[in-house]
Protein backbone atom coordinates (compact mmCIF):
# COMPACT_ATOMS: atom_id res chain seq x y z
CA MET A 1 72.33 78.41 45.91
CA PRO A 2 75.90 77.64 45.19
CA TYR A 3 76.95 75.45 42.11
CA ARG A 4 78.10 72.11 43.54
CA ALA A 5 81.53 71.08 42.07
CA GLY A 6 83.32 67.80 41.86
CA VAL A 7 86.80 66.90 40.61
CA ILE A 8 88.24 63.58 39.28
CA GLY A 9 91.86 63.63 39.47
CA LEU A 10 94.27 65.03 42.31
CA THR A 11 97.40 65.39 40.45
CA GLY A 12 99.19 68.69 40.49
CA ILE A 13 96.89 70.37 37.78
CA GLY A 14 93.95 68.80 39.73
CA ALA A 15 94.61 70.10 43.29
CA SER A 16 97.66 71.98 43.81
CA PRO A 17 97.07 74.80 46.41
CA PRO A 18 97.83 78.61 45.05
CA ARG A 19 101.34 79.79 45.92
CA THR A 20 101.68 83.03 47.78
CA ALA A 21 102.79 86.17 45.77
CA PRO A 22 106.50 87.65 45.94
CA ASP A 23 105.24 90.19 48.51
CA PRO A 24 102.21 89.56 51.13
CA VAL A 25 100.48 92.59 50.08
CA LEU A 26 99.86 91.13 46.58
CA GLY A 27 97.85 88.26 48.07
CA MET A 28 98.40 85.02 46.12
CA LEU A 29 99.34 84.01 42.59
CA MET A 30 96.59 83.15 40.27
CA PRO A 31 95.18 79.72 41.01
CA HIS A 32 96.23 77.16 38.42
CA SER A 33 94.61 73.92 39.46
CA HIS A 34 91.12 72.81 39.42
CA VAL A 35 90.64 72.66 43.19
CA SER A 36 92.22 76.11 43.84
CA ALA A 37 90.12 77.69 41.20
CA TYR A 38 86.90 76.29 42.41
CA ALA A 39 88.04 77.42 45.98
CA GLU A 40 88.46 81.08 44.81
CA ILE A 41 84.80 81.38 43.35
CA PRO A 42 82.14 82.49 45.66
CA GLN A 43 79.20 81.06 43.74
CA VAL A 44 80.80 77.65 43.53
CA GLU A 45 81.24 74.97 46.54
CA LEU A 46 83.55 72.15 45.95
CA VAL A 47 81.72 69.30 47.57
CA ALA A 48 83.81 66.06 46.32
CA VAL A 49 86.75 64.96 44.75
CA CYS A 50 88.02 61.56 43.47
CA ASP A 51 91.19 59.52 42.94
CA ILE A 52 92.28 55.95 42.95
CA ASN A 53 95.79 56.67 44.20
CA PRO A 54 96.14 56.65 48.00
CA VAL A 55 99.20 59.17 47.74
CA GLN A 56 97.37 61.63 45.86
CA ILE A 57 94.31 61.61 48.29
CA GLU A 58 96.80 62.00 51.40
CA ARG A 59 98.37 65.04 49.50
CA PHE A 60 94.86 66.48 49.20
CA LYS A 61 94.03 66.21 52.67
CA GLU A 62 97.37 67.55 53.90
CA GLN A 63 96.87 70.63 51.37
CA TRP A 64 93.20 71.32 51.72
CA GLY A 65 91.88 69.67 54.64
CA SER A 66 91.87 72.56 56.97
CA ARG A 67 90.39 75.08 54.12
CA LEU A 68 88.11 72.65 52.70
CA PRO A 69 87.35 70.09 55.62
CA ASP A 70 83.55 69.13 54.43
CA VAL A 71 84.77 67.97 50.90
CA THR A 72 84.06 64.17 50.54
CA ILE A 73 86.66 61.97 49.15
CA TYR A 74 85.97 58.92 46.82
CA THR A 75 87.79 56.30 45.07
CA ASP A 76 85.12 55.61 42.59
CA TYR A 77 83.93 58.44 40.37
CA ARG A 78 80.62 56.59 39.62
CA GLU A 79 79.95 56.68 43.21
CA MET A 80 80.82 60.26 43.49
CA LEU A 81 78.37 61.01 40.53
CA SER A 82 75.47 59.06 41.86
CA LYS A 83 75.64 60.52 45.41
CA GLU A 84 76.74 64.07 44.99
CA ARG A 85 74.13 65.83 42.47
CA LEU A 86 76.96 67.87 40.93
CA ASP A 87 76.28 70.87 38.91
CA LEU A 88 80.07 71.34 37.76
CA LEU A 89 82.78 68.36 36.89
CA SER A 90 86.21 68.72 36.39
CA VAL A 91 87.92 65.57 34.64
CA VAL A 92 91.63 65.71 35.32
CA THR A 93 92.84 62.12 34.58
CA GLY A 94 95.10 60.39 32.21
CA ASP A 95 94.60 61.49 28.41
CA HIS A 96 92.95 58.46 27.43
CA VAL A 97 90.54 57.91 29.81
CA HIS A 98 88.72 61.11 29.82
CA ALA A 99 85.74 60.09 27.29
CA GLN A 100 83.56 57.55 29.67
CA MET A 101 83.94 59.96 32.78
CA VAL A 102 82.33 62.76 30.68
CA VAL A 103 79.82 60.70 29.39
CA ASP A 104 78.86 59.43 32.62
CA GLY A 105 78.71 63.10 33.97
CA THR A 106 76.15 64.10 31.57
CA GLU A 107 73.99 60.99 32.36
CA ALA A 108 74.39 61.90 36.16
CA GLY A 109 72.70 65.29 35.47
CA VAL A 110 76.06 67.60 35.65
CA LYS A 111 75.42 70.94 34.15
CA GLY A 112 78.66 71.74 32.92
CA ILE A 113 82.02 69.87 32.47
CA PHE A 114 85.57 71.18 32.24
CA CYS A 115 88.02 68.50 31.09
CA GLU A 116 91.51 68.57 30.75
CA LYS A 117 93.37 68.48 27.61
CA PRO A 118 93.86 66.94 25.29
CA ILE A 119 90.05 66.11 24.85
CA ALA A 120 90.90 62.50 24.37
CA THR A 121 93.48 60.35 22.32
CA THR A 122 90.96 59.03 19.51
CA LEU A 123 88.56 60.83 17.44
CA SER A 124 85.84 58.09 18.42
CA ASP A 125 86.16 59.30 21.88
CA ALA A 126 86.11 62.96 21.34
CA ASP A 127 83.01 62.44 19.23
CA ARG A 128 81.48 60.37 22.15
CA MET A 129 81.84 62.98 24.40
CA ILE A 130 80.78 65.90 22.21
CA ALA A 131 77.53 64.03 21.31
CA ALA A 132 76.80 63.00 24.77
CA CYS A 133 77.26 66.91 25.91
CA ARG A 134 75.26 68.13 23.37
CA ALA A 135 72.52 65.52 23.85
CA GLN A 136 72.25 66.72 27.34
CA ASN A 137 72.66 70.42 26.60
CA VAL A 138 75.77 70.30 28.77
CA PRO A 139 78.68 72.81 27.89
CA LEU A 140 81.79 71.39 27.61
CA LEU A 141 85.01 73.16 28.03
CA ILE A 142 88.73 71.89 27.32
CA ASP A 143 91.32 73.15 29.36
CA HIS A 144 93.61 74.49 26.56
CA THR A 145 94.96 77.20 29.09
CA ARG A 146 96.32 79.66 26.58
CA ARG A 147 92.94 80.66 25.43
CA TRP A 148 92.44 82.34 28.55
CA TRP A 149 95.78 83.83 29.09
CA PRO A 150 95.66 87.59 28.61
CA GLU A 151 98.44 87.78 25.85
CA PHE A 152 96.92 85.36 23.56
CA ALA A 153 93.26 86.76 24.01
CA HIS A 154 94.95 90.18 23.03
CA ALA A 155 97.11 88.90 20.15
CA ARG A 156 93.94 87.19 18.86
CA GLN A 157 91.87 90.70 19.16
CA ARG A 158 94.66 92.34 17.22
CA LEU A 159 94.40 89.82 14.38
CA ARG A 160 90.66 90.07 14.10
CA THR A 161 91.20 94.08 13.51
CA ARG A 162 93.66 93.41 10.71
CA GLU A 163 96.35 95.21 12.65
CA ILE A 164 98.87 93.46 10.74
CA GLY A 165 96.94 92.55 7.59
CA LYS A 166 95.31 89.42 6.75
CA LEU A 167 97.08 86.55 8.63
CA GLN A 168 99.37 84.46 6.25
CA SER A 169 101.44 82.12 8.35
CA ILE A 170 102.22 80.93 11.66
CA VAL A 171 105.61 79.65 13.10
CA ALA A 172 105.09 77.81 16.54
CA SER A 173 107.77 76.26 18.66
CA LEU A 174 107.71 74.17 22.04
CA THR A 175 111.26 72.90 23.06
CA GLY A 176 112.73 71.14 25.79
CA PRO A 177 112.21 67.82 27.80
CA ARG A 178 108.36 68.31 28.26
CA ALA A 179 107.93 68.85 24.69
CA MET A 180 105.66 66.04 24.41
CA LEU A 181 102.84 65.99 21.55
CA PHE A 182 99.97 64.83 23.66
CA ARG A 183 101.05 66.56 26.98
CA ASN A 184 101.97 69.79 26.23
CA GLY A 185 102.39 69.97 22.38
CA THR A 186 98.41 69.98 22.51
CA HIS A 187 98.71 73.56 23.83
CA LEU A 188 101.06 74.92 21.00
CA ILE A 189 98.78 73.18 18.19
CA ASP A 190 95.69 74.47 19.89
CA THR A 191 96.95 78.18 20.10
CA VAL A 192 97.64 77.70 16.38
CA CYS A 193 94.14 76.74 15.77
CA TYR A 194 92.79 79.71 18.13
CA PHE A 195 94.77 82.33 16.10
CA VAL A 196 93.98 80.60 12.46
CA ASP A 197 90.12 80.17 13.30
CA SER A 198 89.80 77.73 10.36
CA ASP A 199 89.86 73.85 9.88
CA PRO A 200 93.02 72.26 8.71
CA GLU A 201 92.96 70.90 5.15
CA TRP A 202 96.24 68.82 5.27
CA VAL A 203 99.27 67.90 7.31
CA VAL A 204 102.80 66.78 6.59
CA ALA A 205 104.86 65.71 9.55
CA GLU A 206 108.20 63.76 10.77
CA LEU A 207 108.53 62.65 14.39
CA GLU A 208 111.66 62.98 16.20
CA GLU A 209 114.25 60.22 15.40
CA THR A 210 113.51 58.17 18.56
CA HIS A 211 109.91 57.77 17.33
CA ARG A 212 110.73 57.36 13.74
CA ASN A 213 108.74 54.04 13.84
CA HIS A 214 105.76 55.00 15.93
CA PRO A 215 102.41 53.85 14.89
CA PRO A 216 99.60 56.12 13.52
CA ARG A 217 97.83 56.04 16.73
CA TYR A 218 98.35 57.08 20.33
CA VAL A 219 100.35 54.37 22.35
CA GLY A 220 100.92 56.71 25.60
CA ASP A 221 100.06 55.82 29.01
CA GLY A 222 98.24 59.10 29.91
CA GLY A 223 100.96 61.54 29.94
CA LYS A 224 103.10 59.60 33.01
CA ASP A 225 106.20 58.71 30.77
CA PRO A 226 107.53 61.16 28.49
CA ALA A 227 109.20 58.73 26.71
CA LYS A 228 106.04 57.05 25.13
CA ASP A 229 104.75 60.61 23.72
CA PRO A 230 106.71 61.55 20.98
CA ALA A 231 107.68 65.23 19.48
CA GLY A 232 107.75 66.24 16.28
CA SER A 233 107.41 68.70 13.30
CA ALA A 234 104.73 69.64 11.04
CA TYR A 235 103.64 71.78 8.21
CA VAL A 236 99.63 72.33 8.46
CA HIS A 237 97.63 74.11 5.73
CA PHE A 238 94.35 75.28 6.58
CA ALA A 239 91.14 75.92 4.70
CA ASN A 240 91.31 79.80 4.99
CA GLY A 241 94.78 79.82 3.39
CA VAL A 242 97.01 80.10 6.52
CA ARG A 243 100.11 78.13 6.44
CA ALA A 244 101.15 76.81 10.05
CA PHE A 245 104.80 75.50 10.98
CA ILE A 246 104.99 73.60 14.09
CA ASN A 247 108.00 72.64 15.66
CA ILE A 248 107.79 70.27 18.86
CA THR A 249 111.43 68.98 20.05
CA LYS A 250 112.67 67.62 23.18
CA THR A 251 116.12 67.80 22.42
CA ALA A 252 116.55 71.40 22.07
CA VAL A 253 116.64 73.93 25.09
CA GLY A 254 113.65 74.60 26.44
CA SER A 255 111.51 77.43 25.33
CA SER A 256 108.11 78.48 23.52
CA SER A 257 107.48 80.96 21.04
CA TRP A 258 104.78 82.06 18.22
CA GLU A 259 105.24 84.34 15.29
CA LEU A 260 102.15 85.66 13.43
CA TYR A 261 102.97 86.82 10.01
CA GLY A 262 100.67 89.12 8.10
CA GLU A 263 100.38 91.24 5.16
CA SER A 264 101.74 94.23 6.62
CA GLY A 265 103.63 93.16 9.90
CA MET A 266 103.99 90.49 12.61
CA ILE A 267 102.94 89.79 16.27
CA ARG A 268 105.46 87.86 18.34
CA ILE A 269 104.92 85.93 21.54
CA GLY A 270 107.82 84.97 23.25
CA PRO A 271 108.98 83.81 26.87
CA ALA A 272 110.25 87.07 27.91
CA ARG A 273 108.62 89.85 25.43
CA SER A 274 105.98 90.14 23.12
CA GLU A 275 105.85 92.70 20.35
CA VAL A 276 104.20 94.03 17.36
CA VAL A 277 106.25 94.55 14.27
CA ARG A 278 104.87 96.78 11.43
CA SER A 279 105.86 97.45 8.08
CA GLY A 280 105.67 101.19 6.86
CA GLU A 281 105.09 102.52 3.19
CA ASP A 282 108.79 102.88 3.04
CA ARG A 283 109.10 99.08 4.18
CA GLN A 284 110.81 100.23 7.38
CA LEU A 285 109.80 98.15 10.31
CA THR A 286 108.69 99.48 13.63
CA TYR A 287 108.78 97.76 16.70
CA ALA A 288 106.68 98.17 19.64
CA GLU A 289 106.05 95.95 23.02
CA MET A 290 102.73 94.19 23.07
CA ARG A 291 101.31 94.83 26.62
CA PRO A 292 98.00 93.26 27.35
CA PRO A 293 95.81 94.97 29.76
CA TYR A 294 95.85 93.71 33.43
CA VAL A 295 93.15 91.35 34.23
CA THR A 296 91.46 89.78 37.70
CA ARG A 297 91.23 86.29 36.76
CA GLY A 298 93.57 83.64 36.00
CA ASP A 299 93.12 81.03 33.18
CA MET A 300 91.45 78.47 35.49
CA VAL A 301 89.23 80.69 37.21
CA ALA A 302 88.46 82.33 34.10
CA ALA A 303 87.15 79.10 32.64
CA ILE A 304 85.06 78.29 35.37
CA TYR A 305 83.38 81.56 35.11
CA GLU A 306 82.99 81.03 31.75
CA LEU A 307 81.45 77.56 32.21
CA ILE A 308 78.99 78.99 34.62
CA ASP A 309 77.88 81.55 32.17
CA LEU A 310 77.28 79.15 29.52
CA ILE A 311 75.08 77.15 31.87
CA GLU A 312 72.91 80.21 32.62
CA ASN A 313 72.97 82.12 29.40
CA GLY A 314 74.09 79.54 26.47
CA GLY A 315 76.47 80.91 23.99
CA GLU A 316 79.65 79.39 22.31
CA GLY A 317 82.60 78.70 24.60
CA THR A 318 86.20 79.82 24.46
CA SER A 319 87.62 76.45 24.25
CA THR A 320 84.69 73.94 23.17
CA GLY A 321 84.65 70.17 22.43
CA GLU A 322 84.82 70.72 18.89
CA ASP A 323 87.96 72.94 19.52
CA GLY A 324 89.33 70.27 21.24
CA ARG A 325 88.71 67.72 18.48
CA ARG A 326 90.02 70.05 15.86
CA THR A 327 93.67 70.13 17.73
CA LEU A 328 93.51 66.24 18.53
CA SER A 329 92.87 65.71 14.75
CA ILE A 330 95.85 67.28 13.82
CA MET A 331 98.01 65.48 16.45
CA LEU A 332 96.79 62.20 14.98
CA GLY A 333 97.12 63.53 11.44
CA MET A 334 100.96 64.00 12.35
CA LEU A 335 101.16 60.69 13.59
CA GLN A 336 99.50 58.99 10.37
CA SER A 337 101.82 61.11 8.25
CA ASN A 338 104.96 60.08 9.86
CA ASP A 339 103.63 56.40 9.84
CA ALA A 340 102.91 56.58 5.94
CA GLY A 341 106.56 57.88 5.15
CA ASN A 342 106.13 61.92 5.91
CA ILE A 343 103.09 62.06 3.35
CA LYS A 344 100.39 64.42 2.90
CA VAL A 345 97.48 63.63 4.96
CA LYS A 346 94.15 65.28 4.24
CA PHE A 347 91.42 65.99 6.63
CA PRO A 348 89.11 64.78 7.69
CA ILE A 349 90.60 61.85 9.13
CA HIS A 350 89.61 58.59 10.78
CA ASP A 351 90.98 56.66 13.62
CA LYS A 352 93.73 54.18 12.68
């Protein structure tokens, strides 16, 4: 029997159809929405979707009606949970309303949950989600997509084999109008945590000038208005000694990059080229392009396959609720540091 799946939230990341490849013989580009990913997995049947916005519902009908004619559409997610006996649930709503939907999903008997990033906007909500999933033995994956991107998995593997020696520091940057802390900055900070593989000990941060007086808590609207989601810079010290310099800037030209500095080399991941730089005994540097292997699954499809494997076999996920909470704690720590005059904020922190 196929796994019965449902999706709450039909915005772009929730329901956009896959695009065709540059040449028809190449098929389509990797699915990059929850609906399109479920539609590509043979052992999954998407049986229901939900949204409260009539515009999103009509768009779903136009884009998917011919391919998924049997999907039931709801405007109340609780009704969907009570009627559909779902195995898999995607929560693709505003950043600040994930928690209750995840908790309700576990109580309705869902076997695995795939939740959009960030996990939540308060630590108490993140803790509720993690506790509910743990109590019902429901694996929870957070869609910090880079953890399923080949170049990031490949770079992490090379770090683990000490190809550049012991990791010392990371410089990570995200710039451009969409460089919002909770909307896209969460990806940047999560990748830092993914590479460092340690808990943060303290953070010092400064938000952009337009958010100098931002309170020490989330005050956004779920990601709709970029003006309500700040950018900022931070210095994070981790328990294993790695230092991370994080730059999230809306007013600079749009780009993203990661520089991972080890004792004997570095790994650079950029928008156009990724490379490994090594230092020889004579201190001469050598440069080699980093080419991750070709893969057959995109990030969304890979995450759902992993969720199914966790249901069937157990184990530790690539992007767990605990991972999502760690990233959230750094973002909230940045807000608290800025609010208190850019002071050092020590972890663990609490909601303010």
